[in-house]
Amino acid sequence: MGWGRRLAITILLLVISGVAMAEPAVNAGYVPIATAGAGEEHSVVVETGDHLWKISQTHLDGRLGRRATVDEVTAYWRQVIELNRERLRSGDPDLIYPGEVVSLPVAR
């Protein structure tokens, strides 16, 4: 299947189902569902267009008070995947749905 067709199918799936797919992104705006202290786990509700990389980067940027490096986000993103793998409706960290709750481990 060619790149153009694959992209068209992905866009169609996103529009029809409201599914959020995992791919690196730079900007996100999510709302934590619970306020936690600096050393506590956080949870967020997935919104349309979210993916675990985006959620991870936004949370880590906020915790660090600066833009996290790709290496920092990668390490944290892997922790987020492991923490949530069994909790996700699809069972696939590349396929998350709006309304799902994602737990975020303590950012160190």
PDB file of N, CA and C in Angstrom:
ATOM      1  N   MET A   1       0.862  -1.166   0.000  1.00  0.00           N
ATOM      2  CA  MET A   1       0.000   0.000   0.000  1.00  0.00           C
ATOM      3  C   MET A   1       0.907   1.227   0.000  1.00  0.00           C
ATOM      4  N   GLY A   2       0.604   2.185  -0.876  1.00  0.00           N
ATOM      5  CA  GLY A   2       1.422   3.384  -0.990  1.00  0.00           C
ATOM      6  C   GLY A   2       1.228   4.343   0.165  1.00  0.00           C
ATOM      7  N   TRP A   3       2.187   5.250   0.316  1.00  0.00           N
ATOM      8  CA  TRP A   3       2.172   6.239   1.400  1.00  0.00           C
ATOM      9  C   TRP A   3       0.918   7.098   1.354  1.00  0.00           C
ATOM     10  N   GLY A   4       0.521   7.566   0.163  1.00  0.00           N
ATOM     11  CA  GLY A   4      -0.658   8.422   0.037  1.00  0.00           C
ATOM     12  C   GLY A   4      -1.928   7.724   0.474  1.00  0.00           C
ATOM     13  N   ARG A   5      -2.059   6.485   0.056  1.00  0.00           N
ATOM     14  CA  ARG A   5      -3.254   5.727   0.430  1.00  0.00           C
ATOM     15  C   ARG A   5      -3.284   5.454   1.933  1.00  0.00           C
ATOM     16  N   ARG A   6      -2.126   5.123   2.495  1.00  0.00           N
ATOM     17  CA  ARG A   6      -2.022   4.880   3.938  1.00  0.00           C
ATOM     18  C   ARG A   6      -2.405   6.129   4.727  1.00  0.00           C
ATOM     19  N   LEU A   7      -1.927   7.284   4.282  1.00  0.00           N
ATOM     20  CA  LEU A   7      -2.250   8.549   4.943  1.00  0.00           C
ATOM     21  C   LEU A   7      -3.742   8.832   4.847  1.00  0.00           C
ATOM     22  N   ALA A   8      -4.327   8.616   3.670  1.00  0.00           N
ATOM     23  CA  ALA A   8      -5.756   8.857   3.485  1.00  0.00           C
ATOM     24  C   ALA A   8      -6.588   7.961   4.396  1.00  0.00           C
ATOM     25  N   ILE A   9      -6.202   6.706   4.526  1.00  0.00           N
ATOM     26  CA  ILE A   9      -6.931   5.774   5.389  1.00  0.00           C
ATOM     27  C   ILE A   9      -6.800   6.191   6.853  1.00  0.00           C
ATOM     28  N   THR A  10      -5.604   6.601   7.252  1.00  0.00           N
ATOM     29  CA  THR A  10      -5.389   7.050   8.632  1.00  0.00           C
ATOM     30  C   THR A  10      -6.256   8.263   8.943  1.00  0.00           C
ATOM     31  N   ILE A  11      -6.272   9.232   8.051  1.00  0.00           N
ATOM     32  CA  ILE A  11      -7.086  10.439   8.259  1.00  0.00           C
ATOM     33  C   ILE A  11      -8.558  10.079   8.323  1.00  0.00           C
ATOM     34  N   LEU A  12      -8.999   9.215   7.432  1.00  0.00           N
ATOM     35  CA  LEU A  12     -10.387   8.787   7.434  1.00  0.00           C
ATOM     36  C   LEU A  12     -10.756   8.118   8.755  1.00  0.00           C
ATOM     37  N   LEU A  13      -9.899   7.243   9.248  1.00  0.00           N
ATOM     38  CA  LEU A  13     -10.158   6.577  10.527  1.00  0.00           C
ATOM     39  C   LEU A  13     -10.238   7.576  11.673  1.00  0.00           C
ATOM     40  N   LEU A  14      -9.367   8.559  11.659  1.00  0.00           N
ATOM     41  CA  LEU A  14      -9.390   9.571  12.713  1.00  0.00           C
ATOM     42  C   LEU A  14     -10.678  10.373  12.681  1.00  0.00           C
ATOM     43  N   VAL A  15     -11.101  10.752  11.502  1.00  0.00           N
ATOM     44  CA  VAL A  15     -12.316  11.556  11.364  1.00  0.00           C
ATOM     45  C   VAL A  15     -13.543  10.758  11.771  1.00  0.00           C
ATOM     46  N   ILE A  16     -13.627   9.534  11.313  1.00  0.00           N
ATOM     47  CA  ILE A  16     -14.813   8.715  11.574  1.00  0.00           C
ATOM     48  C   ILE A  16     -14.897   8.271  13.027  1.00  0.00           C
ATOM     49  N   SER A  17     -13.793   7.832  13.591  1.00  0.00           N
ATOM     50  CA  SER A  17     -13.857   7.206  14.908  1.00  0.00           C
ATOM     51  C   SER A  17     -13.408   8.086  16.056  1.00  0.00           C
ATOM     52  N   GLY A  18     -12.760   9.193  15.777  1.00  0.00           N
ATOM     53  CA  GLY A  18     -12.262  10.030  16.851  1.00  0.00           C
ATOM     54  C   GLY A  18     -11.130   9.381  17.605  1.00  0.00           C
ATOM     55  N   VAL A  19     -10.430   8.459  16.975  1.00  0.00           N
ATOM     56  CA  VAL A  19      -9.338   7.740  17.614  1.00  0.00           C
ATOM     57  C   VAL A  19      -8.102   8.610  17.653  1.00  0.00           C
ATOM     58  N   ALA A  20      -7.405   8.588  18.755  1.00  0.00           N
ATOM     59  CA  ALA A  20      -6.138   9.298  18.885  1.00  0.00           C
ATOM     60  C   ALA A  20      -5.025   8.284  18.659  1.00  0.00           C
ATOM     61  N   MET A  21      -4.121   8.569  17.726  1.00  0.00           N
ATOM     62  CA  MET A  21      -3.039   7.642  17.409  1.00  0.00           C
ATOM     63  C   MET A  21      -1.716   8.191  17.914  1.00  0.00           C
ATOM     64  N   ALA A  22      -0.798   7.301  18.271  1.00  0.00           N
ATOM     65  CA  ALA A  22       0.484   7.710  18.827  1.00  0.00           C
ATOM     66  C   ALA A  22       1.465   8.061  17.729  1.00  0.00           C
ATOM     67  N   GLU A  23       1.981   9.283  17.819  1.00  0.00           N
ATOM     68  CA  GLU A  23       3.083   9.723  16.983  1.00  0.00           C
ATOM     69  C   GLU A  23       3.650  10.973  17.639  1.00  0.00           C
ATOM     70  N   PRO A  24       4.940  11.211  17.528  1.00  0.00           N
ATOM     71  CA  PRO A  24       5.531  12.362  18.175  1.00  0.00           C
ATOM     72  C   PRO A  24       4.895  13.669  17.725  1.00  0.00           C
ATOM     73  N   ALA A  25       4.699  14.570  18.655  1.00  0.00           N
ATOM     74  CA  ALA A  25       4.156  15.891  18.376  1.00  0.00           C
ATOM     75  C   ALA A  25       4.794  16.880  19.330  1.00  0.00           C
ATOM     76  N   VAL A  26       4.636  18.152  19.036  1.00  0.00           N
ATOM     77  CA  VAL A  26       5.308  19.160  19.835  1.00  0.00           C
ATOM     78  C   VAL A  26       4.386  19.939  20.756  1.00  0.00           C
ATOM     79  N   ASN A  27       3.134  20.030  20.463  1.00  0.00           N
ATOM     80  CA  ASN A  27       2.235  20.847  21.263  1.00  0.00           C
ATOM     81  C   ASN A  27       1.047  20.044  21.753  1.00  0.00           C
ATOM     82  N   ALA A  28       0.625  20.296  22.965  1.00  0.00           N
ATOM     83  CA  ALA A  28      -0.553  19.625  23.483  1.00  0.00           C
ATOM     84  C   ALA A  28      -1.148  20.474  24.580  1.00  0.00           C
ATOM     85  N   GLY A  29      -2.412  20.310  24.802  1.00  0.00           N
ATOM     86  CA  GLY A  29      -3.068  20.977  25.894  1.00  0.00           C
ATOM     87  C   GLY A  29      -4.039  20.012  26.527  1.00  0.00           C
ATOM     88  N   TYR A  30      -3.641  19.344  27.576  1.00  0.00           N
ATOM     89  CA  TYR A  30      -4.529  18.431  28.244  1.00  0.00           C
ATOM     90  C   TYR A  30      -4.815  18.957  29.636  1.00  0.00           C
ATOM     91  N   VAL A  31      -5.892  18.469  30.180  1.00  0.00           N
ATOM     92  CA  VAL A  31      -6.295  18.893  31.508  1.00  0.00           C
ATOM     93  C   VAL A  31      -6.177  17.712  32.449  1.00  0.00           C
ATOM     94  N   PRO A  32      -5.343  17.818  33.503  1.00  0.00           N
ATOM     95  CA  PRO A  32      -5.258  16.729  34.474  1.00  0.00           C
ATOM     96  C   PRO A  32      -6.614  16.517  35.132  1.00  0.00           C
ATOM     97  N   ILE A  33      -6.972  15.269  35.413  1.00  0.00           N
ATOM     98  CA  ILE A  33      -8.249  15.032  36.075  1.00  0.00           C
ATOM     99  C   ILE A  33      -8.092  15.077  37.590  1.00  0.00           C
ATOM    100  N   ALA A  34      -6.864  15.098  38.056  1.00  0.00           N
ATOM    101  CA  ALA A  34      -6.619  15.205  39.489  1.00  0.00           C
ATOM    102  C   ALA A  34      -5.332  15.995  39.686  1.00  0.00           C
ATOM    103  N   THR A  35      -5.341  16.842  40.674  1.00  0.00           N
ATOM    104  CA  THR A  35      -4.134  17.580  40.993  1.00  0.00           C
ATOM    105  C   THR A  35      -3.293  16.737  41.933  1.00  0.00           C
ATOM    106  N   ALA A  36      -2.027  16.631  41.613  1.00  0.00           N
ATOM    107  CA  ALA A  36      -1.127  15.832  42.438  1.00  0.00           C
ATOM    108  C   ALA A  36       0.103  16.657  42.747  1.00  0.00           C
ATOM    109  N   GLY A  37       0.750  16.310  43.822  1.00  0.00           N
ATOM    110  CA  GLY A  37       1.970  16.995  44.196  1.00  0.00           C
ATOM    111  C   GLY A  37       3.124  16.579  43.305  1.00  0.00           C
ATOM    112  N   ALA A  38       4.279  17.181  43.522  1.00  0.00           N
ATOM    113  CA  ALA A  38       5.449  16.939  42.677  1.00  0.00           C
ATOM    114  C   ALA A  38       5.878  15.475  42.662  1.00  0.00           C
ATOM    115  N   GLY A  39       5.679  14.752  43.756  1.00  0.00           N
ATOM    116  CA  GLY A  39       6.135  13.367  43.815  1.00  0.00           C
ATOM    117  C   GLY A  39       5.023  12.361  43.633  1.00  0.00           C
ATOM    118  N   GLU A  40       3.877  12.771  43.074  1.00  0.00           N
ATOM    119  CA  GLU A  40       2.736  11.883  42.938  1.00  0.00           C
ATOM    120  C   GLU A  40       2.393  11.630  41.478  1.00  0.00           C
ATOM    121  N   GLU A  41       1.763  10.484  41.239  1.00  0.00           N
ATOM    122  CA  GLU A  41       1.294  10.125  39.908  1.00  0.00           C
ATOM    123  C   GLU A  41       0.135  11.042  39.506  1.00  0.00           C
ATOM    124  N   HIS A  42       0.035  11.355  38.229  1.00  0.00           N
ATOM    125  CA  HIS A  42      -1.050  12.160  37.687  1.00  0.00           C
ATOM    126  C   HIS A  42      -1.891  11.306  36.758  1.00  0.00           C
ATOM    127  N   SER A  43      -3.103  11.740  36.482  1.00  0.00           N
ATOM    128  CA  SER A  43      -3.952  11.101  35.484  1.00  0.00           C
ATOM    129  C   SER A  43      -4.534  12.184  34.599  1.00  0.00           C
ATOM    130  N   VAL A  44      -4.698  11.873  33.327  1.00  0.00           N
ATOM    131  CA  VAL A  44      -5.319  12.800  32.379  1.00  0.00           C
ATOM    132  C   VAL A  44      -6.349  12.038  31.561  1.00  0.00           C
ATOM    133  N   VAL A  45      -7.322  12.766  31.049  1.00  0.00           N
ATOM    134  CA  VAL A  45      -8.324  12.196  30.167  1.00  0.00           C
ATOM    135  C   VAL A  45      -7.887  12.471  28.734  1.00  0.00           C
ATOM    136  N   VAL A  46      -7.859  11.441  27.911  1.00  0.00           N
ATOM    137  CA  VAL A  46      -7.461  11.571  26.512  1.00  0.00           C
ATOM    138  C   VAL A  46      -8.514  12.377  25.763  1.00  0.00           C
ATOM    139  N   GLU A  47      -8.044  13.323  24.970  1.00  0.00           N
ATOM    140  CA  GLU A  47      -8.915  14.110  24.105  1.00  0.00           C
ATOM    141  C   GLU A  47      -8.636  13.728  22.659  1.00  0.00           C
ATOM    142  N   THR A  48      -9.564  14.017  21.770  1.00  0.00           N
ATOM    143  CA  THR A  48      -9.386  13.727  20.354  1.00  0.00           C
ATOM    144  C   THR A  48      -8.074  14.342  19.874  1.00  0.00           C
ATOM    145  N   GLY A  49      -7.281  13.557  19.180  1.00  0.00           N
ATOM    146  CA  GLY A  49      -6.003  14.023  18.660  1.00  0.00           C
ATOM    147  C   GLY A  49      -4.827  13.759  19.575  1.00  0.00           C
ATOM    148  N   ASP A  50      -5.085  13.341  20.796  1.00  0.00           N
ATOM    149  CA  ASP A  50      -4.005  13.038  21.734  1.00  0.00           C
ATOM    150  C   ASP A  50      -3.352  11.708  21.379  1.00  0.00           C
ATOM    151  N   HIS A  51      -2.122  11.562  21.806  1.00  0.00           N
ATOM    152  CA  HIS A  51      -1.405  10.302  21.750  1.00  0.00           C
ATOM    153  C   HIS A  51      -0.416  10.320  22.901  1.00  0.00           C
ATOM    154  N   LEU A  52       0.102   9.168  23.247  1.00  0.00           N
ATOM    155  CA  LEU A  52       0.912   9.065  24.456  1.00  0.00           C
ATOM    156  C   LEU A  52       2.189   9.900  24.391  1.00  0.00           C
ATOM    157  N   TRP A  53       2.774  10.057  23.224  1.00  0.00           N
ATOM    158  CA  TRP A  53       3.978  10.903  23.113  1.00  0.00           C
ATOM    159  C   TRP A  53       3.617  12.346  23.459  1.00  0.00           C
ATOM    160  N   LYS A  54       2.562  12.846  22.881  1.00  0.00           N
ATOM    161  CA  LYS A  54       2.129  14.231  23.095  1.00  0.00           C
ATOM    162  C   LYS A  54       1.802  14.472  24.572  1.00  0.00           C
ATOM    163  N   ILE A  55       1.064  13.558  25.152  1.00  0.00           N
ATOM    164  CA  ILE A  55       0.712  13.674  26.565  1.00  0.00           C
ATOM    165  C   ILE A  55       1.978  13.634  27.418  1.00  0.00           C
ATOM    166  N   SER A  56       2.882  12.721  27.100  1.00  0.00           N
ATOM    167  CA  SER A  56       4.133  12.583  27.859  1.00  0.00           C
ATOM    168  C   SER A  56       4.969  13.847  27.770  1.00  0.00           C
ATOM    169  N   GLN A  57       5.117  14.371  26.566  1.00  0.00           N
ATOM    170  CA  GLN A  57       5.940  15.558  26.393  1.00  0.00           C
ATOM    171  C   GLN A  57       5.350  16.762  27.121  1.00  0.00           C
ATOM    172  N   THR A  58       4.063  16.964  27.015  1.00  0.00           N
ATOM    173  CA  THR A  58       3.422  18.098  27.677  1.00  0.00           C
ATOM    174  C   THR A  58       3.597  18.018  29.188  1.00  0.00           C
ATOM    175  N   HIS A  59       3.370  16.842  29.732  1.00  0.00           N
ATOM    176  CA  HIS A  59       3.504  16.675  31.183  1.00  0.00           C
ATOM    177  C   HIS A  59       4.951  16.883  31.624  1.00  0.00           C
ATOM    178  N   LEU A  60       5.882  16.298  30.894  1.00  0.00           N
ATOM    179  CA  LEU A  60       7.291  16.415  31.246  1.00  0.00           C
ATOM    180  C   LEU A  60       7.777  17.857  31.113  1.00  0.00           C
ATOM    181  N   ASP A  61       7.377  18.549  30.052  1.00  0.00           N
ATOM    182  CA  ASP A  61       7.734  19.964  29.884  1.00  0.00           C
ATOM    183  C   ASP A  61       7.272  20.778  31.091  1.00  0.00           C
ATOM    184  N   GLY A  62       6.039  20.528  31.524  1.00  0.00           N
ATOM    185  CA  GLY A  62       5.506  21.251  32.675  1.00  0.00           C
ATOM    186  C   GLY A  62       6.258  20.948  33.955  1.00  0.00           C
ATOM    187  N   ARG A  63       6.616  19.691  34.143  1.00  0.00           N
ATOM    188  CA  ARG A  63       7.349  19.296  35.351  1.00  0.00           C
ATOM    189  C   ARG A  63       8.764  19.860  35.375  1.00  0.00           C
ATOM    190  N   LEU A  64       9.406  19.887  34.206  1.00  0.00           N
ATOM    191  CA  LEU A  64      10.785  20.384  34.138  1.00  0.00           C
ATOM    192  C   LEU A  64      10.853  21.905  34.081  1.00  0.00           C
ATOM    193  N   GLY A  65       9.754  22.534  33.684  1.00  0.00           N
ATOM    194  CA  GLY A  65       9.760  23.987  33.552  1.00  0.00           C
ATOM    195  C   GLY A  65      10.522  24.455  32.316  1.00  0.00           C
ATOM    196  N   ARG A  66      10.699  23.571  31.373  1.00  0.00           N
ATOM    197  CA  ARG A  66      11.399  23.867  30.123  1.00  0.00           C
ATOM    198  C   ARG A  66      11.013  22.809  29.107  1.00  0.00           C
ATOM    199  N   ARG A  67      11.441  22.997  27.890  1.00  0.00           N
ATOM    200  CA  ARG A  67      11.196  22.020  26.833  1.00  0.00           C
ATOM    201  C   ARG A  67      12.079  20.788  27.077  1.00  0.00           C
ATOM    202  N   ALA A  68      11.462  19.629  27.230  1.00  0.00           N
ATOM    203  CA  ALA A  68      12.211  18.384  27.436  1.00  0.00           C
ATOM    204  C   ALA A  68      12.916  17.987  26.143  1.00  0.00           C
ATOM    205  N   THR A  69      14.068  17.372  26.287  1.00  0.00           N
ATOM    206  CA  THR A  69      14.793  16.885  25.113  1.00  0.00           C
ATOM    207  C   THR A  69      14.105  15.625  24.585  1.00  0.00           C
ATOM    208  N   VAL A  70      14.411  15.265  23.364  1.00  0.00           N
ATOM    209  CA  VAL A  70      13.841  14.053  22.774  1.00  0.00           C
ATOM    210  C   VAL A  70      14.209  12.830  23.619  1.00  0.00           C
ATOM    211  N   ASP A  71      15.454  12.771  24.094  1.00  0.00           N
ATOM    212  CA  ASP A  71      15.867  11.635  24.929  1.00  0.00           C
ATOM    213  C   ASP A  71      15.076  11.580  26.227  1.00  0.00           C
ATOM    214  N   GLU A  72      14.826  12.732  26.849  1.00  0.00           N
ATOM    215  CA  GLU A  72      14.047  12.781  28.092  1.00  0.00           C
ATOM    216  C   GLU A  72      12.616  12.328  27.840  1.00  0.00           C
ATOM    217  N   VAL A  73      12.018  12.828  26.744  1.00  0.00           N
ATOM    218  CA  VAL A  73      10.645  12.445  26.432  1.00  0.00           C
ATOM    219  C   VAL A  73      10.569  10.960  26.101  1.00  0.00           C
ATOM    220  N   THR A  74      11.536  10.462  25.351  1.00  0.00           N
ATOM    221  CA  THR A  74      11.533   9.039  24.987  1.00  0.00           C
ATOM    222  C   THR A  74      11.546   8.152  26.227  1.00  0.00           C
ATOM    223  N   ALA A  75      12.419   8.454  27.176  1.00  0.00           N
ATOM    224  CA  ALA A  75      12.506   7.656  28.401  1.00  0.00           C
ATOM    225  C   ALA A  75      11.192   7.731  29.189  1.00  0.00           C
ATOM    226  N   TYR A  76      10.617   8.924  29.298  1.00  0.00           N
ATOM    227  CA  TYR A  76       9.379   9.097  30.050  1.00  0.00           C
ATOM    228  C   TYR A  76       8.209   8.424  29.321  1.00  0.00           C
ATOM    229  N   TRP A  77       8.147   8.592  28.000  1.00  0.00           N
ATOM    230  CA  TRP A  77       7.098   8.008  27.170  1.00  0.00           C
ATOM    231  C   TRP A  77       7.064   6.492  27.346  1.00  0.00           C
ATOM    232  N   ARG A  78       8.229   5.877  27.418  1.00  0.00           N
ATOM    233  CA  ARG A  78       8.297   4.422  27.633  1.00  0.00           C
ATOM    234  C   ARG A  78       7.707   4.044  28.990  1.00  0.00           C
ATOM    235  N   GLN A  79       7.950   4.865  30.010  1.00  0.00           N
ATOM    236  CA  GLN A  79       7.367   4.620  31.334  1.00  0.00           C
ATOM    237  C   GLN A  79       5.843   4.738  31.272  1.00  0.00           C
ATOM    238  N   VAL A  80       5.357   5.744  30.545  1.00  0.00           N
ATOM    239  CA  VAL A  80       3.913   5.946  30.397  1.00  0.00           C
ATOM    240  C   VAL A  80       3.291   4.733  29.708  1.00  0.00           C
ATOM    241  N   ILE A  81       3.923   4.236  28.668  1.00  0.00           N
ATOM    242  CA  ILE A  81       3.415   3.056  27.961  1.00  0.00           C
ATOM    243  C   ILE A  81       3.327   1.869  28.911  1.00  0.00           C
ATOM    244  N   GLU A  82       4.398   1.598  29.642  1.00  0.00           N
ATOM    245  CA  GLU A  82       4.400   0.443  30.546  1.00  0.00           C
ATOM    246  C   GLU A  82       3.355   0.575  31.648  1.00  0.00           C
ATOM    247  N   LEU A  83       3.173   1.770  32.171  1.00  0.00           N
ATOM    248  CA  LEU A  83       2.195   1.986  33.228  1.00  0.00           C
ATOM    249  C   LEU A  83       0.764   1.789  32.728  1.00  0.00           C
ATOM    250  N   ASN A  84       0.515   2.090  31.454  1.00  0.00           N
ATOM    251  CA  ASN A  84      -0.858   2.097  30.939  1.00  0.00           C
ATOM    252  C   ASN A  84      -1.213   0.945  30.004  1.00  0.00           C
ATOM    253  N   ARG A  85      -0.250   0.166  29.585  1.00  0.00           N
ATOM    254  CA  ARG A  85      -0.491  -0.868  28.569  1.00  0.00           C
ATOM    255  C   ARG A  85      -1.705  -1.737  28.898  1.00  0.00           C
ATOM    256  N   GLU A  86      -1.823  -2.208  30.122  1.00  0.00           N
ATOM    257  CA  GLU A  86      -2.925  -3.095  30.512  1.00  0.00           C
ATOM    258  C   GLU A  86      -4.239  -2.344  30.734  1.00  0.00           C
ATOM    259  N   ARG A  87      -4.174  -1.038  30.877  1.00  0.00           N
ATOM    260  CA  ARG A  87      -5.372  -0.235  31.179  1.00  0.00           C
ATOM    261  C   ARG A  87      -6.085   0.265  29.927  1.00  0.00           C
ATOM    262  N   LEU A  88      -5.405   0.258  28.804  1.00  0.00           N
ATOM    263  CA  LEU A  88      -5.967   0.826  27.585  1.00  0.00           C
ATOM    264  C   LEU A  88      -7.007  -0.100  26.967  1.00  0.00           C
ATOM    265  N   ARG A  89      -8.098   0.480  26.540  1.00  0.00           N
ATOM    266  CA  ARG A  89      -9.198  -0.284  25.957  1.00  0.00           C
ATOM    267  C   ARG A  89      -8.727  -1.142  24.787  1.00  0.00           C
ATOM    268  N   SER A  90      -7.876  -0.584  23.938  1.00  0.00           N
ATOM    269  CA  SER A  90      -7.396  -1.321  22.765  1.00  0.00           C
ATOM    270  C   SER A  90      -6.290  -2.304  23.126  1.00  0.00           C
ATOM    271  N   GLY A  91      -5.616  -2.080  24.267  1.00  0.00           N
ATOM    272  CA  GLY A  91      -4.462  -2.881  24.629  1.00  0.00           C
ATOM    273  C   GLY A  91      -3.216  -2.489  23.852  1.00  0.00           C
ATOM    274  N   ASP A  92      -3.342  -1.481  22.997  1.00  0.00           N
ATOM    275  CA  ASP A  92      -2.267  -1.033  22.124  1.00  0.00           C
ATOM    276  C   ASP A  92      -1.942   0.423  22.441  1.00  0.00           C
ATOM    277  N   PRO A  93      -0.739   0.727  22.918  1.00  0.00           N
ATOM    278  CA  PRO A  93      -0.401   2.113  23.258  1.00  0.00           C
ATOM    279  C   PRO A  93      -0.372   3.043  22.051  1.00  0.00           C
ATOM    280  N   ASP A  94      -0.388   2.498  20.840  1.00  0.00           N
ATOM    281  CA  ASP A  94      -0.459   3.327  19.646  1.00  0.00           C
ATOM    282  C   ASP A  94      -1.892   3.677  19.276  1.00  0.00           C
ATOM    283  N   LEU A  95      -2.847   3.169  20.025  1.00  0.00           N
ATOM    284  CA  LEU A  95      -4.253   3.391  19.720  1.00  0.00           C
ATOM    285  C   LEU A  95      -5.000   3.690  21.013  1.00  0.00           C
ATOM    286  N   ILE A  96      -5.166   4.972  21.285  1.00  0.00           N
ATOM    287  CA  ILE A  96      -5.892   5.381  22.494  1.00  0.00           C
ATOM    288  C   ILE A  96      -7.148   6.142  22.067  1.00  0.00           C
ATOM    289  N   TYR A  97      -8.134   6.135  22.923  1.00  0.00           N
ATOM    290  CA  TYR A  97      -9.429   6.706  22.596  1.00  0.00           C
ATOM    291  C   TYR A  97      -9.760   7.902  23.489  1.00  0.00           C
ATOM    292  N   PRO A  98     -10.439   8.896  22.922  1.00  0.00           N
ATOM    293  CA  PRO A  98     -10.905  10.013  23.741  1.00  0.00           C
ATOM    294  C   PRO A  98     -11.754   9.493  24.898  1.00  0.00           C
ATOM    295  N   GLY A  99     -11.545  10.075  26.059  1.00  0.00           N
ATOM    296  CA  GLY A  99     -12.278   9.666  27.253  1.00  0.00           C
ATOM    297  C   GLY A  99     -11.537   8.654  28.110  1.00  0.00           C
ATOM    298  N   GLU A 100     -10.543   7.971  27.552  1.00  0.00           N
ATOM    299  CA  GLU A 100      -9.748   7.048  28.356  1.00  0.00           C
ATOM    300  C   GLU A 100      -8.914   7.843  29.355  1.00  0.00           C
ATOM    301  N   VAL A 101      -8.663   7.251  30.487  1.00  0.00           N
ATOM    302  CA  VAL A 101      -7.820   7.878  31.505  1.00  0.00           C
ATOM    303  C   VAL A 101      -6.423   7.284  31.393  1.00  0.00           C
ATOM    304  N   VAL A 102      -5.439   8.162  31.266  1.00  0.00           N
ATOM    305  CA  VAL A 102      -4.039   7.752  31.174  1.00  0.00           C
ATOM    306  C   VAL A 102      -3.327   8.193  32.441  1.00  0.00           C
ATOM    307  N   SER A 103      -2.661   7.265  33.092  1.00  0.00           N
ATOM    308  CA  SER A 103      -1.878   7.592  34.291  1.00  0.00           C
ATOM    309  C   SER A 103      -0.480   7.988  33.872  1.00  0.00           C
ATOM    310  N   LEU A 104       0.032   9.011  34.534  1.00  0.00           N
ATOM    311  CA  LEU A 104       1.380   9.507  34.255  1.00  0.00           C
ATOM    312  C   LEU A 104       2.244   9.277  35.481  1.00  0.00           C
ATOM    313  N   PRO A 105       3.354   8.553  35.309  1.00  0.00           N
ATOM    314  CA  PRO A 105       4.214   8.292  36.451  1.00  0.00           C
ATOM    315  C   PRO A 105       4.908   9.570  36.913  1.00  0.00           C
ATOM    316  N   VAL A 106       5.484   9.496  38.079  1.00  0.00           N
ATOM    317  CA  VAL A 106       6.219  10.638  38.614  1.00  0.00           C
ATOM    318  C   VAL A 106       7.360  10.973  37.660  1.00  0.00           C
ATOM    319  N   ALA A 107       7.413  12.229  37.242  1.00  0.00           N
ATOM    320  CA  ALA A 107       8.511  12.681  36.358  1.00  0.00           C
ATOM    321  C   ALA A 107       9.704  13.040  37.222  1.00  0.00           C
ATOM    322  N   ARG A 108      10.825  12.420  36.967  1.00  0.00           N
ATOM    323  CA  ARG A 108      12.017  12.660  37.787  1.00  0.00           C
ATOM    324  C   ARG A 108      13.042  13.450  37.037  1.00  0.00           C
TER     325      ARG A 108
END
